[in-house]
């Protein structure tokens, strides 16, 4: 950093008219010591000042002038009149070498607000990852869902307000299939088809957030439609497209609660009790659970559920997996 600053100072002295003088031709003049640098140029006089330790060795200073000769004044005292010599490529190399030397004598002051900025960044990061902020994101998600999707919301999202289960899982059981828009679309469609085939309202697909961020709803709508369309070739602009009966929720708190750091992932939950069925099931302040089991990997949903069934010895999962046929 110090070397960069010194080199920039030297090069600006060569290239920038406002750094040393008015318009003119770049060149250099002799100086009585290598520690002398240009302070200012006034008409035919170059004023020098001393920086750092002086060695007693003659040096050079870059200026920009139309004159062939100039007077050199060192800290108010006239040194002598000297020629202005043209700038050459070796001079540039020498300037960089001198910059290295000066860099060892320069100290770049630290940012006096660094600790304050670090503390503030830490506070913002903690708030972003807090349950409070994530709940705000989820509430905004629910608002957008109701305002944008309207009466079609039940076709895209599971109805969490129903306490009575119509499937094989009890009202206190859940199967969450965690997905991401970064996954291959064909893979996600396979999971959606499996969820629809199981036909249980307590089995749902889960996304961490909106595609492209919470401020952009249209990409998310298009993504959900492409996932849940029974016929991928169907064009919504040409008419209604039949949707798979699979619930899909956007809930970052579920990802956090079950520590999902990679997808696809499947989580089976037992003993779920919610104070408010309309709020996030990923909020530990709203729901309590008895236990849960997770399985990871790009495999068929039925296979992953069967692995969980063996581990959990769940009769409900056994009944769910015995569900025959493709549900229309």
C-alpha atoms as a PDB file:
ATOM      1  CA  UNK A   1       0.000   0.000   0.000  1.00  0.00           C
ATOM      2  CA  UNK A   2       2.815   2.415   0.898  1.00  0.00           C
ATOM      3  CA  UNK A   3       4.646   1.569  -2.310  1.00  0.00           C
ATOM      4  CA  UNK A   4       1.526   2.162  -4.359  1.00  0.00           C
ATOM      5  CA  UNK A   5       0.964   5.558  -2.774  1.00  0.00           C
ATOM      6  CA  UNK A   6       4.563   6.606  -3.394  1.00  0.00           C
ATOM      7  CA  UNK A   7       4.457   5.467  -7.013  1.00  0.00           C
ATOM      8  CA  UNK A   8       1.193   7.275  -7.603  1.00  0.00           C
ATOM      9  CA  UNK A   9       2.677  10.451  -6.165  1.00  0.00           C
ATOM     10  CA  UNK A  10       5.663  10.198  -8.504  1.00  0.00           C
ATOM     11  CA  UNK A  11       3.620   9.404 -11.591  1.00  0.00           C
ATOM     12  CA  UNK A  12       1.131  12.163 -10.850  1.00  0.00           C
ATOM     13  CA  UNK A  13       4.040  14.552 -10.620  1.00  0.00           C
ATOM     14  CA  UNK A  14       4.978  13.492 -14.161  1.00  0.00           C
ATOM     15  CA  UNK A  15       1.548  13.384 -15.758  1.00  0.00           C
ATOM     16  CA  UNK A  16      -0.617  15.903 -13.892  1.00  0.00           C
ATOM     17  CA  UNK A  17      -0.213  19.590 -14.761  1.00  0.00           C
ATOM     18  CA  UNK A  18      -1.954  20.690 -11.577  1.00  0.00           C
ATOM     19  CA  UNK A  19       0.504  18.669  -9.482  1.00  0.00           C
ATOM     20  CA  UNK A  20       3.594  20.706 -10.356  1.00  0.00           C
ATOM     21  CA  UNK A  21       3.018  23.545 -12.749  1.00  0.00           C
ATOM     22  CA  UNK A  22       0.932  25.047 -15.473  1.00  0.00           C
ATOM     23  CA  UNK A  23       0.819  23.598 -18.979  1.00  0.00           C
ATOM     24  CA  UNK A  24       4.185  22.613 -20.374  1.00  0.00           C
ATOM     25  CA  UNK A  25       6.477  19.754 -21.306  1.00  0.00           C
ATOM     26  CA  UNK A  26       7.307  17.102 -18.679  1.00  0.00           C
ATOM     27  CA  UNK A  27      10.964  17.073 -17.696  1.00  0.00           C
ATOM     28  CA  UNK A  28      13.271  17.011 -14.723  1.00  0.00           C
ATOM     29  CA  UNK A  29      15.716  19.249 -12.963  1.00  0.00           C
ATOM     30  CA  UNK A  30      18.729  18.577 -10.764  1.00  0.00           C
ATOM     31  CA  UNK A  31      18.280  18.969  -7.001  1.00  0.00           C
ATOM     32  CA  UNK A  32      20.899  19.332  -4.245  1.00  0.00           C
ATOM     33  CA  UNK A  33      19.675  16.163  -2.453  1.00  0.00           C
ATOM     34  CA  UNK A  34      17.524  13.124  -3.102  1.00  0.00           C
ATOM     35  CA  UNK A  35      15.262  14.214  -0.237  1.00  0.00           C
ATOM     36  CA  UNK A  36      14.165  17.351  -2.145  1.00  0.00           C
ATOM     37  CA  UNK A  37      10.752  17.268  -3.797  1.00  0.00           C
ATOM     38  CA  UNK A  38       8.792  19.879  -5.730  1.00  0.00           C
ATOM     39  CA  UNK A  39       6.583  22.029  -3.544  1.00  0.00           C
ATOM     40  CA  UNK A  40       5.376  24.422  -6.247  1.00  0.00           C
ATOM     41  CA  UNK A  41       6.414  26.098  -9.502  1.00  0.00           C
ATOM     42  CA  UNK A  42       5.976  29.844  -9.833  1.00  0.00           C
ATOM     43  CA  UNK A  43       6.853  31.280 -13.245  1.00  0.00           C
ATOM     44  CA  UNK A  44      10.606  30.592 -13.696  1.00  0.00           C
ATOM     45  CA  UNK A  45      11.222  29.409 -10.126  1.00  0.00           C
ATOM     46  CA  UNK A  46      10.884  25.879  -8.745  1.00  0.00           C
ATOM     47  CA  UNK A  47      10.404  25.720  -4.967  1.00  0.00           C
ATOM     48  CA  UNK A  48      11.649  22.552  -3.288  1.00  0.00           C
ATOM     49  CA  UNK A  49      11.087  21.166   0.203  1.00  0.00           C
ATOM     50  CA  UNK A  50      12.846  18.384   2.065  1.00  0.00           C
ATOM     51  CA  UNK A  51      11.044  15.127   2.831  1.00  0.00           C
ATOM     52  CA  UNK A  52      12.443  12.318   4.957  1.00  0.00           C
ATOM     53  CA  UNK A  53      16.161  11.782   5.571  1.00  0.00           C
ATOM     54  CA  UNK A  54      18.625  13.632   3.378  1.00  0.00           C
ATOM     55  CA  UNK A  55      21.636  11.648   2.130  1.00  0.00           C
ATOM     56  CA  UNK A  56      23.789  14.394   0.670  1.00  0.00           C
ATOM     57  CA  UNK A  57      23.538  12.806  -2.779  1.00  0.00           C
ATOM     58  CA  UNK A  58      22.302  14.906  -5.717  1.00  0.00           C
ATOM     59  CA  UNK A  59      18.819  14.064  -6.900  1.00  0.00           C
ATOM     60  CA  UNK A  60      16.222  14.884  -9.545  1.00  0.00           C
ATOM     61  CA  UNK A  61      12.746  16.347  -9.469  1.00  0.00           C
ATOM     62  CA  UNK A  62      10.085  16.181 -12.139  1.00  0.00           C
ATOM     63  CA  UNK A  63       8.368  19.334 -13.319  1.00  0.00           C
ATOM     64  CA  UNK A  64       6.296  20.507 -16.241  1.00  0.00           C
ATOM     65  CA  UNK A  65       7.487  23.700 -17.860  1.00  0.00           C
ATOM     66  CA  UNK A  66       7.938  25.435 -21.195  1.00  0.00           C
ATOM     67  CA  UNK A  67      11.236  26.960 -20.014  1.00  0.00           C
ATOM     68  CA  UNK A  68      14.712  25.616 -20.715  1.00  0.00           C
ATOM     69  CA  UNK A  69      16.175  26.972 -17.465  1.00  0.00           C
ATOM     70  CA  UNK A  70      14.639  27.598 -14.046  1.00  0.00           C
ATOM     71  CA  UNK A  71      15.759  28.902 -10.691  1.00  0.00           C
ATOM     72  CA  UNK A  72      15.780  26.352  -7.896  1.00  0.00           C
ATOM     73  CA  UNK A  73      14.870  27.478  -4.357  1.00  0.00           C
ATOM     74  CA  UNK A  74      15.217  25.015  -1.463  1.00  0.00           C
ATOM     75  CA  UNK A  75      12.975  25.861   1.491  1.00  0.00           C
ATOM     76  CA  UNK A  76      13.205  29.591   0.748  1.00  0.00           C
ATOM     77  CA  UNK A  77      16.932  29.715  -0.126  1.00  0.00           C
ATOM     78  CA  UNK A  78      18.161  30.040  -3.710  1.00  0.00           C
ATOM     79  CA  UNK A  79      20.271  27.064  -4.677  1.00  0.00           C
ATOM     80  CA  UNK A  80      21.122  27.770  -8.313  1.00  0.00           C
ATOM     81  CA  UNK A  81      19.763  28.102 -11.853  1.00  0.00           C
ATOM     82  CA  UNK A  82      19.598  24.779 -13.671  1.00  0.00           C
ATOM     83  CA  UNK A  83      18.522  23.305 -16.993  1.00  0.00           C
ATOM     84  CA  UNK A  84      15.180  21.586 -17.566  1.00  0.00           C
ATOM     85  CA  UNK A  85      16.044  18.278 -19.234  1.00  0.00           C
ATOM     86  CA  UNK A  86      13.655  16.164 -21.281  1.00  0.00           C
ATOM     87  CA  UNK A  87      11.944  13.140 -19.771  1.00  0.00           C
ATOM     88  CA  UNK A  88      13.138   9.714 -20.936  1.00  0.00           C
ATOM     89  CA  UNK A  89      12.023   6.129 -20.309  1.00  0.00           C
ATOM     90  CA  UNK A  90      14.917   5.418 -17.899  1.00  0.00           C
ATOM     91  CA  UNK A  91      13.717   8.372 -15.851  1.00  0.00           C
ATOM     92  CA  UNK A  92      10.395   6.587 -15.294  1.00  0.00           C
ATOM     93  CA  UNK A  93      12.224   3.507 -14.058  1.00  0.00           C
ATOM     94  CA  UNK A  94      14.298   5.667 -11.733  1.00  0.00           C
ATOM     95  CA  UNK A  95      11.174   7.358 -10.418  1.00  0.00           C
ATOM     96  CA  UNK A  96       9.711   3.986  -9.451  1.00  0.00           C
ATOM     97  CA  UNK A  97      12.968   3.065  -7.771  1.00  0.00           C
ATOM     98  CA  UNK A  98      12.892   6.310  -5.827  1.00  0.00           C
ATOM     99  CA  UNK A  99       9.264   5.633  -4.984  1.00  0.00           C
ATOM    100  CA  UNK A 100      10.292   2.380  -3.316  1.00  0.00           C
ATOM    101  CA  UNK A 101      12.812   4.269  -1.254  1.00  0.00           C
ATOM    102  CA  UNK A 102      10.327   6.930  -0.262  1.00  0.00           C
ATOM    103  CA  UNK A 103       7.726   4.301   0.536  1.00  0.00           C
ATOM    104  CA  UNK A 104       9.886   3.063   3.409  1.00  0.00           C
ATOM    105  CA  UNK A 105       9.702   6.539   4.916  1.00  0.00           C
ATOM    106  CA  UNK A 106       5.979   7.036   4.370  1.00  0.00           C
ATOM    107  CA  UNK A 107       3.268   5.997   6.790  1.00  0.00           C
ATOM    108  CA  UNK A 108      -0.324   5.769   5.612  1.00  0.00           C
ATOM    109  CA  UNK A 109      -2.561   6.750   8.526  1.00  0.00           C
ATOM    110  CA  UNK A 110      -5.094   4.177   9.621  1.00  0.00           C
ATOM    111  CA  UNK A 111      -8.826   4.724   9.370  1.00  0.00           C
ATOM    112  CA  UNK A 112      -9.823   6.221  12.694  1.00  0.00           C
ATOM    113  CA  UNK A 113     -13.376   4.957  12.173  1.00  0.00           C
ATOM    114  CA  UNK A 114     -12.301   1.370  11.431  1.00  0.00           C
ATOM    115  CA  UNK A 115     -13.479  -0.083  14.756  1.00  0.00           C
ATOM    116  CA  UNK A 116     -16.770   1.772  14.570  1.00  0.00           C
ATOM    117  CA  UNK A 117     -17.343   0.566  11.004  1.00  0.00           C
ATOM    118  CA  UNK A 118     -16.421  -3.028  11.943  1.00  0.00           C
ATOM    119  CA  UNK A 119     -18.807  -2.970  14.897  1.00  0.00           C
ATOM    120  CA  UNK A 120     -21.595  -1.548  12.736  1.00  0.00           C
ATOM    121  CA  UNK A 121     -21.018  -4.163  10.019  1.00  0.00           C
ATOM    122  CA  UNK A 122     -21.184  -6.887  12.652  1.00  0.00           C
ATOM    123  CA  UNK A 123     -24.428  -5.470  14.035  1.00  0.00           C
ATOM    124  CA  UNK A 124     -26.011  -5.335  10.583  1.00  0.00           C
ATOM    125  CA  UNK A 125     -24.886  -8.863   9.779  1.00  0.00           C
ATOM    126  CA  UNK A 126     -26.312 -10.170  13.055  1.00  0.00           C
ATOM    127  CA  UNK A 127     -29.607  -8.411  12.433  1.00  0.00           C
ATOM    128  CA  UNK A 128     -29.837  -9.751   8.877  1.00  0.00           C
ATOM    129  CA  UNK A 129     -29.412 -13.315  10.153  1.00  0.00           C
ATOM    130  CA  UNK A 130     -31.688 -12.799  13.163  1.00  0.00           C
ATOM    131  CA  UNK A 131     -35.033 -14.552  13.480  1.00  0.00           C
ATOM    132  CA  UNK A 132     -36.669 -11.127  13.754  1.00  0.00           C
ATOM    133  CA  UNK A 133     -35.494 -10.013  10.328  1.00  0.00           C
ATOM    134  CA  UNK A 134     -36.179 -13.396   8.762  1.00  0.00           C
ATOM    135  CA  UNK A 135     -39.725 -13.234  10.117  1.00  0.00           C
ATOM    136  CA  UNK A 136     -40.144  -9.826   8.503  1.00  0.00           C
ATOM    137  CA  UNK A 137     -39.022 -11.340   5.204  1.00  0.00           C
ATOM    138  CA  UNK A 138     -41.484 -14.181   5.665  1.00  0.00           C
ATOM    139  CA  UNK A 139     -44.346 -11.805   6.512  1.00  0.00           C
ATOM    140  CA  UNK A 140     -43.560  -9.810   3.381  1.00  0.00           C
ATOM    141  CA  UNK A 141     -43.595 -13.088   1.477  1.00  0.00           C
ATOM    142  CA  UNK A 142     -47.077 -13.871   2.769  1.00  0.00           C
ATOM    143  CA  UNK A 143     -48.314 -10.393   1.837  1.00  0.00           C
ATOM    144  CA  UNK A 144     -46.987 -10.650  -1.699  1.00  0.00           C
ATOM    145  CA  UNK A 145     -48.408 -14.133  -2.074  1.00  0.00           C
ATOM    146  CA  UNK A 146     -51.894 -12.948  -1.133  1.00  0.00           C
ATOM    147  CA  UNK A 147     -51.767  -9.766  -3.216  1.00  0.00           C
ATOM    148  CA  UNK A 148     -50.157 -11.192  -6.335  1.00  0.00           C
ATOM    149  CA  UNK A 149     -51.429 -14.754  -6.520  1.00  0.00           C
ATOM    150  CA  UNK A 150     -54.909 -14.043  -5.165  1.00  0.00           C
ATOM    151  CA  UNK A 151     -57.284 -16.998  -5.440  1.00  0.00           C
ATOM    152  CA  UNK A 152     -54.584 -19.059  -7.183  1.00  0.00           C
ATOM    153  CA  UNK A 153     -52.519 -19.204  -4.020  1.00  0.00           C
ATOM    154  CA  UNK A 154     -53.981 -22.548  -2.980  1.00  0.00           C
ATOM    155  CA  UNK A 155     -52.712 -24.072  -6.201  1.00  0.00           C
ATOM    156  CA  UNK A 156     -49.156 -23.016  -5.477  1.00  0.00           C
ATOM    157  CA  UNK A 157     -48.879 -23.196  -1.705  1.00  0.00           C
ATOM    158  CA  UNK A 158     -49.882 -25.653   0.975  1.00  0.00           C
ATOM    159  CA  UNK A 159     -52.788 -24.578   3.176  1.00  0.00           C
ATOM    160  CA  UNK A 160     -51.197 -24.490   6.606  1.00  0.00           C
ATOM    161  CA  UNK A 161     -54.383 -23.298   8.256  1.00  0.00           C
ATOM    162  CA  UNK A 162     -55.998 -26.757   8.130  1.00  0.00           C
ATOM    163  CA  UNK A 163     -55.504 -28.788  11.257  1.00  0.00           C
ATOM    164  CA  UNK A 164     -57.126 -31.961   9.931  1.00  0.00           C
ATOM    165  CA  UNK A 165     -54.866 -33.991   7.658  1.00  0.00           C
ATOM    166  CA  UNK A 166     -56.426 -35.748   4.680  1.00  0.00           C
ATOM    167  CA  UNK A 167     -53.326 -37.807   3.959  1.00  0.00           C
ATOM    168  CA  UNK A 168     -51.336 -40.540   5.615  1.00  0.00           C
ATOM    169  CA  UNK A 169     -49.373 -38.168   7.826  1.00  0.00           C
ATOM    170  CA  UNK A 170     -50.981 -36.936  11.039  1.00  0.00           C
ATOM    171  CA  UNK A 171     -51.613 -33.249  11.718  1.00  0.00           C
ATOM    172  CA  UNK A 172     -48.414 -33.131  13.806  1.00  0.00           C
ATOM    173  CA  UNK A 173     -46.169 -34.589  11.083  1.00  0.00           C
ATOM    174  CA  UNK A 174     -44.451 -32.827   8.187  1.00  0.00           C
ATOM    175  CA  UNK A 175     -42.240 -33.717   5.256  1.00  0.00           C
ATOM    176  CA  UNK A 176     -40.280 -30.786   3.867  1.00  0.00           C
ATOM    177  CA  UNK A 177     -38.529 -31.148   0.504  1.00  0.00           C
ATOM    178  CA  UNK A 178     -35.918 -28.375   0.362  1.00  0.00           C
ATOM    179  CA  UNK A 179     -35.086 -27.133  -3.131  1.00  0.00           C
ATOM    180  CA  UNK A 180     -33.385 -24.202  -4.846  1.00  0.00           C
ATOM    181  CA  UNK A 181     -33.858 -22.460  -8.166  1.00  0.00           C
ATOM    182  CA  UNK A 182     -30.168 -23.212  -8.781  1.00  0.00           C
ATOM    183  CA  UNK A 183     -30.999 -26.921  -9.083  1.00  0.00           C
ATOM    184  CA  UNK A 184     -31.698 -28.389 -12.557  1.00  0.00           C
ATOM    185  CA  UNK A 185     -35.317 -27.679 -13.444  1.00  0.00           C
ATOM    186  CA  UNK A 186     -35.903 -31.300 -14.467  1.00  0.00           C
ATOM    187  CA  UNK A 187     -34.829 -32.458 -11.001  1.00  0.00           C
ATOM    188  CA  UNK A 188     -37.167 -30.014  -9.267  1.00  0.00           C
ATOM    189  CA  UNK A 189     -40.056 -31.098 -11.494  1.00  0.00           C
ATOM    190  CA  UNK A 190     -39.416 -34.704 -10.532  1.00  0.00           C
ATOM    191  CA  UNK A 191     -39.682 -33.777  -6.862  1.00  0.00           C
ATOM    192  CA  UNK A 192     -42.870 -31.788  -7.516  1.00  0.00           C
ATOM    193  CA  UNK A 193     -44.361 -34.786  -9.348  1.00  0.00           C
ATOM    194  CA  UNK A 194     -43.449 -37.057  -6.422  1.00  0.00           C
ATOM    195  CA  UNK A 195     -45.046 -34.674  -3.903  1.00  0.00           C
ATOM    196  CA  UNK A 196     -48.199 -34.585  -6.037  1.00  0.00           C
ATOM    197  CA  UNK A 197     -48.198 -38.365  -6.363  1.00  0.00           C
ATOM    198  CA  UNK A 198     -47.981 -38.839  -2.589  1.00  0.00           C
ATOM    199  CA  UNK A 199     -51.045 -36.624  -2.305  1.00  0.00           C
ATOM    200  CA  UNK A 200     -50.517 -35.550   1.307  1.00  0.00           C
ATOM    201  CA  UNK A 201     -51.086 -31.895   2.323  1.00  0.00           C
ATOM    202  CA  UNK A 202     -48.351 -32.183   4.949  1.00  0.00           C
ATOM    203  CA  UNK A 203     -45.700 -32.861   2.302  1.00  0.00           C
ATOM    204  CA  UNK A 204     -44.445 -29.686   0.637  1.00  0.00           C
ATOM    205  CA  UNK A 205     -41.596 -28.204  -1.361  1.00  0.00           C
ATOM    206  CA  UNK A 206     -39.656 -25.437   0.386  1.00  0.00           C
ATOM    207  CA  UNK A 207     -37.592 -22.592  -1.113  1.00  0.00           C
ATOM    208  CA  UNK A 208     -35.310 -20.342   0.921  1.00  0.00           C
ATOM    209  CA  UNK A 209     -36.357 -17.100  -0.788  1.00  0.00           C
ATOM    210  CA  UNK A 210     -37.590 -15.406  -3.927  1.00  0.00           C
ATOM    211  CA  UNK A 211     -35.798 -15.891  -7.215  1.00  0.00           C
ATOM    212  CA  UNK A 212     -33.667 -12.782  -7.711  1.00  0.00           C
ATOM    213  CA  UNK A 213     -34.514 -11.383  -4.258  1.00  0.00           C
ATOM    214  CA  UNK A 214     -37.641 -10.356  -2.402  1.00  0.00           C
ATOM    215  CA  UNK A 215     -38.024  -7.171  -4.469  1.00  0.00           C
ATOM    216  CA  UNK A 216     -38.585  -9.183  -7.662  1.00  0.00           C
ATOM    217  CA  UNK A 217     -41.758 -11.249  -7.699  1.00  0.00           C
ATOM    218  CA  UNK A 218     -42.145 -11.925 -11.416  1.00  0.00           C
ATOM    219  CA  UNK A 219     -39.156 -14.333 -11.703  1.00  0.00           C
ATOM    220  CA  UNK A 220     -40.537 -16.292  -8.752  1.00  0.00           C
ATOM    221  CA  UNK A 221     -43.989 -16.546 -10.329  1.00  0.00           C
ATOM    222  CA  UNK A 222     -42.456 -17.821 -13.548  1.00  0.00           C
ATOM    223  CA  UNK A 223     -40.277 -20.295 -11.681  1.00  0.00           C
ATOM    224  CA  UNK A 224     -43.162 -21.723  -9.655  1.00  0.00           C
ATOM    225  CA  UNK A 225     -45.299 -22.040 -12.769  1.00  0.00           C
ATOM    226  CA  UNK A 226     -42.542 -23.884 -14.617  1.00  0.00           C
ATOM    227  CA  UNK A 227     -42.088 -26.250 -11.661  1.00  0.00           C
ATOM    228  CA  UNK A 228     -45.737 -27.048 -11.006  1.00  0.00           C
ATOM    229  CA  UNK A 229     -47.065 -27.213 -14.570  1.00  0.00           C
ATOM    230  CA  UNK A 230     -48.131 -30.766 -15.257  1.00  0.00           C
ATOM    231  CA  UNK A 231     -47.178 -30.305 -18.911  1.00  0.00           C
ATOM    232  CA  UNK A 232     -43.833 -28.443 -19.191  1.00  0.00           C
ATOM    233  CA  UNK A 233     -44.669 -27.534 -22.799  1.00  0.00           C
ATOM    234  CA  UNK A 234     -47.877 -25.718 -21.820  1.00  0.00           C
ATOM    235  CA  UNK A 235     -47.841 -21.991 -22.571  1.00  0.00           C
ATOM    236  CA  UNK A 236     -49.806 -19.888 -20.023  1.00  0.00           C
ATOM    237  CA  UNK A 237     -50.294 -17.149 -22.601  1.00  0.00           C
ATOM    238  CA  UNK A 238     -52.213 -19.608 -24.756  1.00  0.00           C
ATOM    239  CA  UNK A 239     -54.592 -20.647 -21.997  1.00  0.00           C
ATOM    240  CA  UNK A 240     -54.764 -22.187 -18.513  1.00  0.00           C
ATOM    241  CA  UNK A 241     -52.100 -24.741 -17.713  1.00  0.00           C
ATOM    242  CA  UNK A 242     -52.944 -27.600 -15.370  1.00  0.00           C
ATOM    243  CA  UNK A 243     -50.924 -27.482 -12.173  1.00  0.00           C
ATOM    244  CA  UNK A 244     -49.658 -30.358 -10.072  1.00  0.00           C
ATOM    245  CA  UNK A 245     -51.359 -30.549  -6.649  1.00  0.00           C
ATOM    246  CA  UNK A 246     -48.113 -29.921  -4.778  1.00  0.00           C
ATOM    247  CA  UNK A 247     -47.587 -27.333  -2.073  1.00  0.00           C
ATOM    248  CA  UNK A 248     -44.641 -24.962  -2.397  1.00  0.00           C
ATOM    249  CA  UNK A 249     -43.688 -22.529   0.361  1.00  0.00           C
ATOM    250  CA  UNK A 250     -41.051 -19.823   0.616  1.00  0.00           C
ATOM    251  CA  UNK A 251     -39.699 -19.975   4.153  1.00  0.00           C
ATOM    252  CA  UNK A 252     -36.085 -19.087   5.091  1.00  0.00           C
ATOM    253  CA  UNK A 253     -36.787 -19.981   8.722  1.00  0.00           C
ATOM    254  CA  UNK A 254     -37.340 -23.635   7.844  1.00  0.00           C
ATOM    255  CA  UNK A 255     -33.903 -23.706   6.220  1.00  0.00           C
ATOM    256  CA  UNK A 256     -32.420 -22.203   9.355  1.00  0.00           C
ATOM    257  CA  UNK A 257     -34.262 -24.355  11.869  1.00  0.00           C
ATOM    258  CA  UNK A 258     -33.175 -27.606  10.253  1.00  0.00           C
ATOM    259  CA  UNK A 259     -29.736 -26.255   9.274  1.00  0.00           C
ATOM    260  CA  UNK A 260     -30.122 -26.975   5.579  1.00  0.00           C
ATOM    261  CA  UNK A 261     -26.849 -26.004   3.928  1.00  0.00           C
ATOM    262  CA  UNK A 262     -27.247 -27.974   0.705  1.00  0.00           C
ATOM    263  CA  UNK A 263     -30.087 -29.144  -1.523  1.00  0.00           C
ATOM    264  CA  UNK A 264     -31.920 -31.263  -2.324  1.00  0.00           C
ATOM    265  CA  UNK A 265     -32.721 -32.244   1.241  1.00  0.00           C
ATOM    266  CA  UNK A 266     -35.701 -33.984   2.828  1.00  0.00           C
ATOM    267  CA  UNK A 267     -36.720 -33.528   6.471  1.00  0.00           C
ATOM    268  CA  UNK A 268     -39.358 -35.546   8.335  1.00  0.00           C
ATOM    269  CA  UNK A 269     -40.778 -33.905  11.478  1.00  0.00           C
ATOM    270  CA  UNK A 270     -42.850 -35.471  14.257  1.00  0.00           C
ATOM    271  CA  UNK A 271     -44.740 -33.973  17.170  1.00  0.00           C
ATOM    272  CA  UNK A 272     -45.137 -30.525  15.635  1.00  0.00           C
ATOM    273  CA  UNK A 273     -47.282 -28.146  17.685  1.00  0.00           C
ATOM    274  CA  UNK A 274     -47.951 -24.637  16.420  1.00  0.00           C
ATOM    275  CA  UNK A 275     -49.369 -21.737  18.391  1.00  0.00           C
ATOM    276  CA  UNK A 276     -50.469 -20.008  15.175  1.00  0.00           C
ATOM    277  CA  UNK A 277     -50.997 -22.221  12.129  1.00  0.00           C
ATOM    278  CA  UNK A 278     -50.743 -19.184   9.860  1.00  0.00           C
ATOM    279  CA  UNK A 279     -47.178 -18.330  10.906  1.00  0.00           C
ATOM    280  CA  UNK A 280     -43.923 -19.978   9.925  1.00  0.00           C
ATOM    281  CA  UNK A 281     -43.381 -23.542  11.055  1.00  0.00           C
ATOM    282  CA  UNK A 282     -39.687 -22.699  11.014  1.00  0.00           C
ATOM    283  CA  UNK A 283     -40.064 -20.198  13.856  1.00  0.00           C
ATOM    284  CA  UNK A 284     -39.099 -21.953  17.127  1.00  0.00           C
ATOM    285  CA  UNK A 285     -41.116 -19.335  19.018  1.00  0.00           C
ATOM    286  CA  UNK A 286     -44.246 -20.428  17.148  1.00  0.00           C
ATOM    287  CA  UNK A 287     -43.756 -24.176  16.910  1.00  0.00           C
ATOM    288  CA  UNK A 288     -42.308 -27.016  18.944  1.00  0.00           C
ATOM    289  CA  UNK A 289     -41.345 -30.471  17.652  1.00  0.00           C
ATOM    290  CA  UNK A 290     -40.574 -33.845  19.175  1.00  0.00           C
ATOM    291  CA  UNK A 291     -37.872 -34.952  16.735  1.00  0.00           C
ATOM    292  CA  UNK A 292     -36.854 -34.785  13.107  1.00  0.00           C
ATOM    293  CA  UNK A 293     -34.831 -36.777  10.569  1.00  0.00           C
ATOM    294  CA  UNK A 294     -33.020 -35.568   7.453  1.00  0.00           C
ATOM    295  CA  UNK A 295     -31.729 -37.130   4.241  1.00  0.00           C
ATOM    296  CA  UNK A 296     -29.616 -35.497   1.525  1.00  0.00           C
ATOM    297  CA  UNK A 297     -28.758 -36.313  -2.055  1.00  0.00           C
ATOM    298  CA  UNK A 298     -30.018 -36.085  -5.601  1.00  0.00           C
ATOM    299  CA  UNK A 299     -32.194 -39.182  -5.407  1.00  0.00           C
ATOM    300  CA  UNK A 300     -35.886 -39.968  -5.843  1.00  0.00           C
ATOM    301  CA  UNK A 301     -38.059 -38.530  -3.094  1.00  0.00           C
ATOM    302  CA  UNK A 302     -39.525 -41.946  -2.368  1.00  0.00           C
ATOM    303  CA  UNK A 303     -36.035 -43.389  -1.881  1.00  0.00           C
ATOM    304  CA  UNK A 304     -35.010 -40.621   0.544  1.00  0.00           C
ATOM    305  CA  UNK A 305     -38.246 -41.027   2.498  1.00  0.00           C
ATOM    306  CA  UNK A 306     -37.689 -44.751   2.719  1.00  0.00           C
ATOM    307  CA  UNK A 307     -34.236 -44.156   4.214  1.00  0.00           C
ATOM    308  CA  UNK A 308     -35.832 -41.868   6.805  1.00  0.00           C
ATOM    309  CA  UNK A 309     -38.578 -44.456   7.454  1.00  0.00           C
ATOM    310  CA  UNK A 310     -35.973 -47.074   8.303  1.00  0.00           C
ATOM    311  CA  UNK A 311     -34.205 -44.723  10.686  1.00  0.00           C
ATOM    312  CA  UNK A 312     -37.346 -43.341  12.346  1.00  0.00           C
ATOM    313  CA  UNK A 313     -39.449 -46.547  12.236  1.00  0.00           C
ATOM    314  CA  UNK A 314     -42.412 -44.387  11.227  1.00  0.00           C
ATOM    315  CA  UNK A 315     -45.651 -46.170  10.404  1.00  0.00           C
ATOM    316  CA  UNK A 316     -46.970 -42.967   8.843  1.00  0.00           C
ATOM    317  CA  UNK A 317     -44.119 -42.819   6.341  1.00  0.00           C
ATOM    318  CA  UNK A 318     -44.637 -46.502   5.554  1.00  0.00           C
ATOM    319  CA  UNK A 319     -48.309 -45.790   4.807  1.00  0.00           C
ATOM    320  CA  UNK A 320     -47.383 -42.695   2.795  1.00  0.00           C
ATOM    321  CA  UNK A 321     -44.926 -44.628   0.638  1.00  0.00           C
ATOM    322  CA  UNK A 322     -47.540 -47.301   0.030  1.00  0.00           C
ATOM    323  CA  UNK A 323     -49.777 -44.717  -1.653  1.00  0.00           C
ATOM    324  CA  UNK A 324     -50.530 -46.177  -5.099  1.00  0.00           C
ATOM    325  CA  UNK A 325     -50.703 -44.513  -8.474  1.00  0.00           C
ATOM    326  CA  UNK A 326     -50.407 -41.016  -9.840  1.00  0.00           C
ATOM    327  CA  UNK A 327     -52.856 -38.591  -8.289  1.00  0.00           C
ATOM    328  CA  UNK A 328     -54.555 -36.378 -10.828  1.00  0.00           C
END
